[in-house]
Amino acid sequence: MGSVQSCSRAGQNNRASNTIGETQSRPALEQITGIRNLPAEVLEKIALKLPRKDYAALRQAFKRARQSLPSVKAMNECINQGLCGERAGPYKEIVNAAKSDYIEKVARGAILDALETVKVGKFCNVRNDNERYIALLCRYPHQRPGKRAVLNVLDSFCALVPDKPFIRHAHVAHALLYSVIFLTCDDLASIKQLFSSANQAFNRCKGGEKLVLASLISALKLHLCRHFAEADINNLAALYPDVFSMGGIVHNRYAPEVNDVSWTETLFPFRATV
């Protein structure tokens, strides 16, 4: 009888011991497998496989994720500095997705109309037989919301260039507002100055203004690649990655064609004075 009771007590003690052991081991297991406690390197590898919105949600889920995972802005800076390696691909995908979301959000009203009508081509002043100008054109309904934003960014761009080597014209015809910038691109030095001015204006403006300027300057870059050494133009554009990165996405989405034609005064609905 005594031995039976001893065995029973021993069994109870063993079960109690096992329960205590399981309870003690549980926190240790959670510390190993819980996403909140994963090593930073592992957490980042998991996060970078997620779509952009899921990545952003995970980053905001808890403090350690915010500390361990880079923001989209930080990713963009890394890309601009020439990031390479296994992070480069995922970083670019997340950054480009964020830019696409931003574009979709702000492309409204006159901004959208302007983006869809961006054109770049050689301009010939018939009276002076002068073919050294390039025309950047966009048009949009005169009464559409966002019209002022388009005009503001174009004026800001023109104002930043020393010695005013080009002129912007605006003209209303058939309820459409035509904005045209006539500019000179004689050599790589003048092209660099134009790119630099566009980058400065891009950094100063907000919302849809950024999109219009980025699309125009990217269309200009494509045009110039046909008339100068493409490698030289790409090297100059690489100095200003933000405006050309955004511009490439915008231009490909809304105005993928590049006009490489010679325009004259008769093709515009106003009298040009350049």
Protein backbone atom coordinates (compact mmCIF):
# COMPACT_ATOMS: atom_id res chain seq x y z
CA MET A 1 0.00 0.00 0.00
CA GLY A 2 2.77 2.37 0.96
CA SER A 3 4.60 1.61 -2.28
CA VAL A 4 1.48 2.37 -4.34
CA GLN A 5 1.08 5.74 -2.63
CA SER A 6 4.77 6.44 -3.16
CA CYS A 7 4.44 5.69 -6.85
CA SER A 8 1.35 7.88 -7.08
CA ARG A 9 3.11 10.76 -5.36
CA ALA A 10 6.14 10.27 -7.61
CA GLY A 11 3.90 10.37 -10.69
CA GLN A 12 2.27 13.57 -9.49
CA ASN A 13 5.65 15.11 -8.80
CA ASN A 14 6.88 14.13 -12.26
CA ARG A 15 3.78 15.64 -13.94
CA ALA A 16 4.17 18.80 -11.89
CA SER A 17 7.84 18.94 -12.82
CA ASN A 18 7.02 18.51 -16.51
CA THR A 19 4.37 21.25 -16.33
CA ILE A 20 6.83 23.62 -14.70
CA GLY A 21 9.44 22.74 -17.31
CA GLU A 22 6.99 23.41 -20.14
CA THR A 23 5.98 26.74 -18.58
CA GLN A 24 9.59 27.76 -18.20
CA SER A 25 10.49 26.73 -21.76
CA ARG A 26 7.58 28.58 -23.42
CA PRO A 27 8.98 32.11 -23.05
CA ALA A 28 12.34 30.94 -24.34
CA LEU A 29 10.67 29.43 -27.42
CA GLU A 30 8.68 32.62 -28.06
CA GLN A 31 11.85 34.64 -27.78
CA ILE A 32 13.36 32.53 -30.53
CA THR A 33 10.39 32.39 -32.95
CA GLY A 34 8.43 35.61 -32.25
CA ILE A 35 8.84 38.13 -35.08
CA ARG A 36 9.32 40.87 -32.53
CA ASN A 37 12.46 39.13 -31.31
CA LEU A 38 14.03 38.04 -34.58
CA PRO A 39 17.57 39.25 -35.28
CA ALA A 40 17.51 42.48 -37.28
CA GLU A 41 19.08 40.80 -40.33
CA VAL A 42 16.42 38.09 -40.42
CA LEU A 43 13.61 40.58 -39.87
CA GLU A 44 14.83 42.69 -42.80
CA LYS A 45 15.09 39.67 -45.11
CA ILE A 46 11.49 38.75 -44.33
CA ALA A 47 10.27 42.33 -44.67
CA LEU A 48 11.94 42.91 -48.03
CA LYS A 49 9.96 40.05 -49.54
CA LEU A 50 6.69 41.82 -48.74
CA PRO A 51 4.75 44.18 -51.04
CA ARG A 52 5.40 47.86 -50.35
CA LYS A 53 2.23 48.47 -48.30
CA ASP A 54 2.79 45.34 -46.20
CA TYR A 55 6.39 46.40 -45.63
CA ALA A 56 5.18 49.79 -44.39
CA ALA A 57 2.61 48.14 -42.12
CA LEU A 58 5.21 45.81 -40.60
CA ARG A 59 7.60 48.70 -40.05
CA GLN A 60 4.93 50.54 -38.07
CA ALA A 61 3.80 47.46 -36.13
CA PHE A 62 6.30 47.75 -33.28
CA LYS A 63 9.19 49.88 -32.13
CA ARG A 64 11.97 47.44 -32.94
CA ALA A 65 10.75 47.11 -36.54
CA ARG A 66 10.86 50.89 -36.96
CA GLN A 67 14.41 50.87 -35.63
CA SER A 68 15.59 47.91 -37.71
CA LEU A 69 13.86 48.49 -41.05
CA PRO A 70 14.82 51.47 -43.23
CA SER A 71 12.20 53.96 -44.33
CA VAL A 72 11.39 54.45 -48.01
CA LYS A 73 13.26 57.76 -47.87
CA ALA A 74 16.35 56.03 -46.47
CA MET A 75 16.10 53.35 -49.17
CA ASN A 76 15.90 56.04 -51.85
CA GLU A 77 19.02 57.73 -50.48
CA CYS A 78 20.88 54.41 -50.55
CA ILE A 79 19.87 53.88 -54.18
CA ASN A 80 20.99 57.39 -55.10
CA GLN A 81 24.37 56.65 -53.52
CA GLY A 82 24.85 53.61 -55.78
CA LEU A 83 23.57 50.78 -53.60
CA CYS A 84 24.42 47.32 -54.94
CA GLY A 85 24.16 43.78 -53.63
CA GLU A 86 21.16 41.74 -52.55
CA ARG A 87 19.33 44.73 -51.05
CA ALA A 88 19.40 46.79 -54.26
CA GLY A 89 16.60 44.93 -56.05
CA PRO A 90 14.07 44.90 -53.17
CA TYR A 91 14.91 48.50 -52.25
CA LYS A 92 14.20 49.68 -55.80
CA GLU A 93 10.94 47.74 -55.97
CA ILE A 94 9.68 49.25 -52.72
CA VAL A 95 10.80 52.79 -53.63
CA ASN A 96 9.29 52.63 -57.12
CA ALA A 97 6.03 51.27 -55.71
CA ALA A 98 5.92 54.15 -53.24
CA LYS A 99 6.52 56.65 -56.05
CA SER A 100 3.79 55.04 -58.16
CA ASP A 101 1.34 55.33 -55.26
CA TYR A 102 2.29 58.98 -54.85
CA ILE A 103 1.85 59.67 -58.56
CA GLU A 104 -1.59 58.06 -58.62
CA LYS A 105 -2.62 60.13 -55.61
CA VAL A 106 -1.66 63.58 -56.95
CA ALA A 107 -2.22 63.21 -60.73
CA ARG A 108 -5.56 65.03 -60.88
CA GLY A 109 -7.20 67.83 -62.86
CA ALA A 110 -4.89 70.01 -64.93
CA ILE A 111 -1.89 68.09 -63.59
CA LEU A 112 -3.10 64.90 -65.25
CA ASP A 113 -3.96 66.68 -68.49
CA ALA A 114 -0.51 68.28 -68.59
CA LEU A 115 1.20 64.93 -67.98
CA GLU A 116 -0.70 63.32 -70.84
CA THR A 117 0.26 66.07 -73.31
CA VAL A 118 3.98 66.48 -72.60
CA LYS A 119 5.88 66.85 -75.88
CA VAL A 120 9.45 67.83 -76.72
CA GLY A 121 10.81 68.75 -80.13
CA LYS A 122 13.05 71.09 -82.11
CA PHE A 123 11.60 74.55 -82.67
CA CYS A 124 12.37 76.61 -85.76
CA ASN A 125 11.68 80.32 -85.68
CA VAL A 126 10.62 80.83 -89.28
CA ARG A 127 11.33 84.57 -89.32
CA ASN A 128 14.92 84.17 -88.16
CA ASP A 129 15.57 80.74 -89.62
CA ASN A 130 16.95 79.79 -86.21
CA GLU A 131 16.88 76.11 -85.27
CA ARG A 132 18.81 76.23 -82.02
CA TYR A 133 15.74 76.15 -79.77
CA ILE A 134 13.98 73.16 -78.26
CA ALA A 135 10.33 73.44 -77.24
CA LEU A 136 8.83 71.72 -74.19
CA LEU A 137 5.05 71.70 -74.47
CA CYS A 138 2.11 70.66 -72.32
CA ARG A 139 -1.54 71.72 -72.52
CA TYR A 140 -4.59 71.44 -70.28
CA PRO A 141 -8.13 72.86 -69.99
CA HIS A 142 -8.01 76.49 -68.92
CA GLN A 143 -10.59 76.02 -66.14
CA ARG A 144 -9.33 72.76 -64.69
CA PRO A 145 -8.30 72.51 -61.01
CA GLY A 146 -4.53 72.44 -60.68
CA LYS A 147 -3.85 74.92 -63.51
CA ARG A 148 -2.03 77.33 -61.22
CA ALA A 149 0.25 74.55 -59.96
CA VAL A 150 1.43 73.81 -63.51
CA LEU A 151 2.13 77.47 -64.22
CA ASN A 152 3.92 77.94 -60.91
CA VAL A 153 6.38 75.10 -61.40
CA LEU A 154 7.21 76.11 -64.97
CA ASP A 155 7.84 79.69 -63.89
CA SER A 156 9.97 78.48 -60.96
CA PHE A 157 12.05 76.35 -63.30
CA CYS A 158 12.64 79.26 -65.69
CA ALA A 159 13.53 81.64 -62.86
CA LEU A 160 16.32 79.38 -61.60
CA VAL A 161 18.36 79.43 -64.81
CA PRO A 162 21.02 82.19 -64.92
CA ASP A 163 20.84 84.72 -67.77
CA LYS A 164 17.39 83.47 -68.78
CA PRO A 165 18.45 81.49 -71.88
CA PHE A 166 14.84 80.55 -72.59
CA ILE A 167 11.33 81.93 -72.37
CA ARG A 168 8.03 80.42 -71.30
CA HIS A 169 4.85 81.23 -73.23
CA ALA A 170 1.27 80.55 -72.21
CA HIS A 171 -1.65 80.97 -74.55
CA VAL A 172 -5.34 80.12 -74.33
CA ALA A 173 -6.96 78.68 -77.44
CA HIS A 174 -10.21 76.72 -77.66
CA ALA A 175 -10.46 76.64 -73.84
CA LEU A 176 -7.01 75.00 -73.65
CA LEU A 177 -3.99 76.58 -71.99
CA TYR A 178 -0.77 75.88 -73.87
CA SER A 179 2.46 76.24 -71.88
CA VAL A 180 5.66 76.12 -73.89
CA ILE A 181 9.25 76.58 -72.78
CA PHE A 182 11.75 77.47 -75.49
CA LEU A 183 15.28 76.62 -74.42
CA THR A 184 18.79 76.32 -75.76
CA CYS A 185 21.00 73.27 -75.36
CA ASP A 186 24.16 74.10 -77.27
CA ASP A 187 26.63 72.00 -75.30
CA LEU A 188 26.95 69.73 -72.28
CA ALA A 189 27.59 72.67 -69.96
CA SER A 190 24.24 74.28 -70.84
CA ILE A 191 22.48 70.93 -70.53
CA LYS A 192 23.97 70.39 -67.08
CA GLN A 193 22.74 73.83 -66.03
CA LEU A 194 19.23 73.05 -67.22
CA PHE A 195 19.22 69.72 -65.41
CA SER A 196 20.52 71.38 -62.24
CA SER A 197 17.82 74.07 -62.39
CA ALA A 198 15.13 71.44 -62.91
CA ASN A 199 16.42 69.51 -59.91
CA GLN A 200 16.35 72.62 -57.71
CA ALA A 201 12.80 73.45 -58.77
CA PHE A 202 11.78 69.81 -58.23
CA ASN A 203 13.10 69.85 -54.65
CA ARG A 204 11.25 73.09 -53.87
CA CYS A 205 7.83 72.23 -55.24
CA LYS A 206 5.21 69.80 -53.95
CA GLY A 207 2.49 67.47 -55.16
CA GLY A 208 1.54 67.52 -58.80
CA GLU A 209 4.04 70.28 -59.55
CA LYS A 210 6.82 67.75 -59.07
CA LEU A 211 5.24 65.40 -61.57
CA VAL A 212 4.89 67.94 -64.37
CA LEU A 213 8.45 69.19 -64.10
CA ALA A 214 9.89 65.67 -63.76
CA SER A 215 8.00 64.49 -66.83
CA LEU A 216 9.10 67.48 -68.94
CA ILE A 217 12.76 67.20 -67.97
CA SER A 218 12.76 63.43 -68.56
CA ALA A 219 11.21 63.93 -72.00
CA LEU A 220 13.93 66.50 -72.69
CA LYS A 221 16.59 64.00 -71.66
CA LEU A 222 15.23 61.41 -74.10
CA HIS A 223 15.21 64.03 -76.86
CA LEU A 224 18.80 65.09 -76.12
CA CYS A 225 20.00 61.48 -76.18
CA ARG A 226 19.20 61.50 -79.90
CA HIS A 227 21.29 64.59 -80.60
CA PHE A 228 24.24 64.17 -78.23
CA ALA A 229 26.22 61.15 -77.08
CA GLU A 230 23.70 59.15 -75.04
CA ALA A 231 26.32 58.20 -72.43
CA ASP A 232 27.13 61.89 -71.82
CA ILE A 233 23.47 62.80 -71.29
CA ASN A 234 22.90 59.82 -68.99
CA ASN A 235 25.97 60.74 -66.96
CA LEU A 236 24.62 64.27 -66.45
CA ALA A 237 21.17 62.96 -65.51
CA ALA A 238 22.76 60.61 -62.98
CA LEU A 239 23.85 63.68 -61.00
CA TYR A 240 20.17 64.37 -60.22
CA PRO A 241 18.63 60.96 -59.50
CA ASP A 242 15.46 62.11 -57.72
CA VAL A 243 13.98 64.21 -60.52
CA PHE A 244 14.92 61.74 -63.26
CA SER A 245 13.79 58.69 -61.29
CA MET A 246 10.36 60.22 -60.71
CA GLY A 247 10.28 61.61 -64.23
CA GLY A 248 10.98 58.24 -65.80
CA ILE A 249 8.05 56.65 -64.00
CA VAL A 250 5.69 59.54 -64.77
CA HIS A 251 6.66 59.89 -68.41
CA ASN A 252 6.43 56.17 -69.13
CA ARG A 253 2.99 56.02 -67.54
CA TYR A 254 1.37 59.06 -69.14
CA ALA A 255 3.38 60.16 -72.19
CA PRO A 256 5.65 57.34 -73.40
CA GLU A 257 6.16 58.82 -76.89
CA VAL A 258 9.00 61.26 -77.50
CA ASN A 259 8.37 63.81 -80.22
CA ASP A 260 11.51 64.28 -82.27
CA VAL A 261 10.14 66.57 -84.95
CA SER A 262 10.89 70.08 -86.13
CA TRP A 263 8.18 72.53 -85.16
CA THR A 264 7.66 76.01 -86.56
CA GLU A 265 5.64 78.99 -85.41
CA THR A 266 2.74 77.88 -87.59
CA LEU A 267 2.31 74.72 -85.49
CA PHE A 268 1.62 76.72 -82.33
CA PRO A 269 -1.62 78.63 -81.68
CA PHE A 270 0.30 81.83 -80.84
CA ARG A 271 3.05 84.03 -82.20
CA ALA A 272 6.43 82.99 -80.84
CA THR A 273 9.05 85.59 -80.02
CA VAL A 274 12.34 83.96 -79.09
